[in-house]
Amino acid sequence: MSNDARTEIRSFITTKFPDVKFSDEEDIFALGFVNSLFAMELVMFIEKAFGTRIPNEELHLGNFRSVELMADLVARQSAATVG
């Protein structure tokens, strides 16, 4: 699931910012092309794409700084839903 999640998240970001190059581990906020409004778009995208709700305690910037961290968040939420 994690690799699939990475692929979908990366695709979503690169659709919005096609000229920006970044790795799955890079802090997309530190790179300067992502702002807090786009962070909310990421939350909505993840919830819709992966059929999950992100609880309030997980809605902090630390979970959305990189593709890798977002994929980890998806994996945790999926495990919480199943378990």
Protein backbone atom coordinates (compact mmCIF):
# COMPACT_ATOMS: atom_id res chain seq x y z
CA MET A 1 0.00 0.00 0.00
CA SER A 2 2.79 2.41 0.91
CA ASN A 3 4.34 2.44 -2.59
CA ASP A 4 0.91 2.84 -4.18
CA ALA A 5 0.16 5.69 -1.79
CA ARG A 6 3.48 7.33 -2.61
CA THR A 7 2.76 7.09 -6.33
CA GLU A 8 -0.73 8.60 -5.99
CA ILE A 9 0.41 11.40 -3.67
CA ARG A 10 3.40 12.25 -5.87
CA SER A 11 1.14 12.29 -8.93
CA PHE A 12 -1.30 14.68 -7.21
CA ILE A 13 1.51 17.07 -6.26
CA THR A 14 3.23 16.98 -9.64
CA THR A 15 -0.08 17.67 -11.40
CA LYS A 16 -0.33 20.91 -9.42
CA PHE A 17 3.39 21.76 -9.68
CA PRO A 18 4.68 20.11 -12.88
CA ASP A 19 7.97 22.03 -13.02
CA VAL A 20 9.12 21.23 -9.49
CA LYS A 21 11.53 18.33 -8.92
CA PHE A 22 11.63 16.69 -5.49
CA SER A 23 12.25 13.30 -3.89
CA ASP A 24 9.73 11.41 -1.76
CA GLU A 25 11.79 12.28 1.32
CA GLU A 26 12.20 16.02 0.69
CA ASP A 27 10.30 18.57 2.76
CA ILE A 28 7.97 20.09 0.17
CA PHE A 29 7.25 23.08 2.44
CA ALA A 30 10.96 23.86 2.86
CA LEU A 31 11.33 23.80 -0.94
CA GLY A 32 9.00 26.79 -0.97
CA PHE A 33 6.38 25.79 -3.52
CA VAL A 34 3.76 24.48 -1.08
CA ASN A 35 1.70 26.71 1.20
CA SER A 36 -0.90 26.12 3.91
CA LEU A 37 -3.77 26.30 1.42
CA PHE A 38 -2.23 23.49 -0.61
CA ALA A 39 -1.77 21.55 2.64
CA MET A 40 -5.56 21.56 3.03
CA GLU A 41 -5.88 20.33 -0.56
CA LEU A 42 -3.50 17.50 0.35
CA VAL A 43 -5.68 16.55 3.33
CA MET A 44 -8.82 16.48 1.18
CA PHE A 45 -7.04 14.54 -1.57
CA ILE A 46 -5.72 11.91 0.84
CA GLU A 47 -9.10 11.46 2.51
CA LYS A 48 -10.87 11.06 -0.82
CA ALA A 49 -8.24 9.00 -2.66
CA PHE A 50 -7.70 6.53 0.17
CA GLY A 51 -11.21 6.48 1.65
CA THR A 52 -10.11 7.58 5.09
CA ARG A 53 -10.66 10.40 7.55
CA ILE A 54 -7.62 11.99 9.07
CA PRO A 55 -8.28 12.54 12.79
CA ASN A 56 -7.61 15.99 14.27
CA GLU A 57 -4.58 14.76 16.22
CA GLU A 58 -2.93 13.76 12.91
CA LEU A 59 -3.66 17.12 11.22
CA HIS A 60 -0.27 18.70 11.79
CA LEU A 61 2.30 19.86 9.28
CA GLY A 62 4.73 17.13 10.29
CA ASN A 63 2.55 14.51 8.59
CA PHE A 64 2.44 16.43 5.30
CA ARG A 65 6.03 17.61 4.81
CA SER A 66 7.00 14.85 2.37
CA VAL A 67 5.47 12.21 0.13
CA GLU A 68 7.01 9.58 2.42
CA LEU A 69 5.39 11.04 5.55
CA MET A 70 2.00 11.29 3.83
CA ALA A 71 2.25 7.67 2.68
CA ASP A 72 3.09 6.66 6.27
CA LEU A 73 0.02 8.57 7.47
CA VAL A 74 -2.16 6.73 4.93
CA ALA A 75 -0.73 3.39 6.08
CA ARG A 76 -1.43 4.22 9.75
CA GLN A 77 -4.99 5.32 9.01
CA SER A 78 -5.63 2.24 6.87
CA ALA A 79 -4.31 -0.01 9.65
CA ALA A 80 -6.46 1.81 12.22
CA THR A 81 -9.55 1.31 10.03
CA VAL A 82 -8.85 -2.40 9.53
CA GLY A 83 -7.63 -3.10 13.06
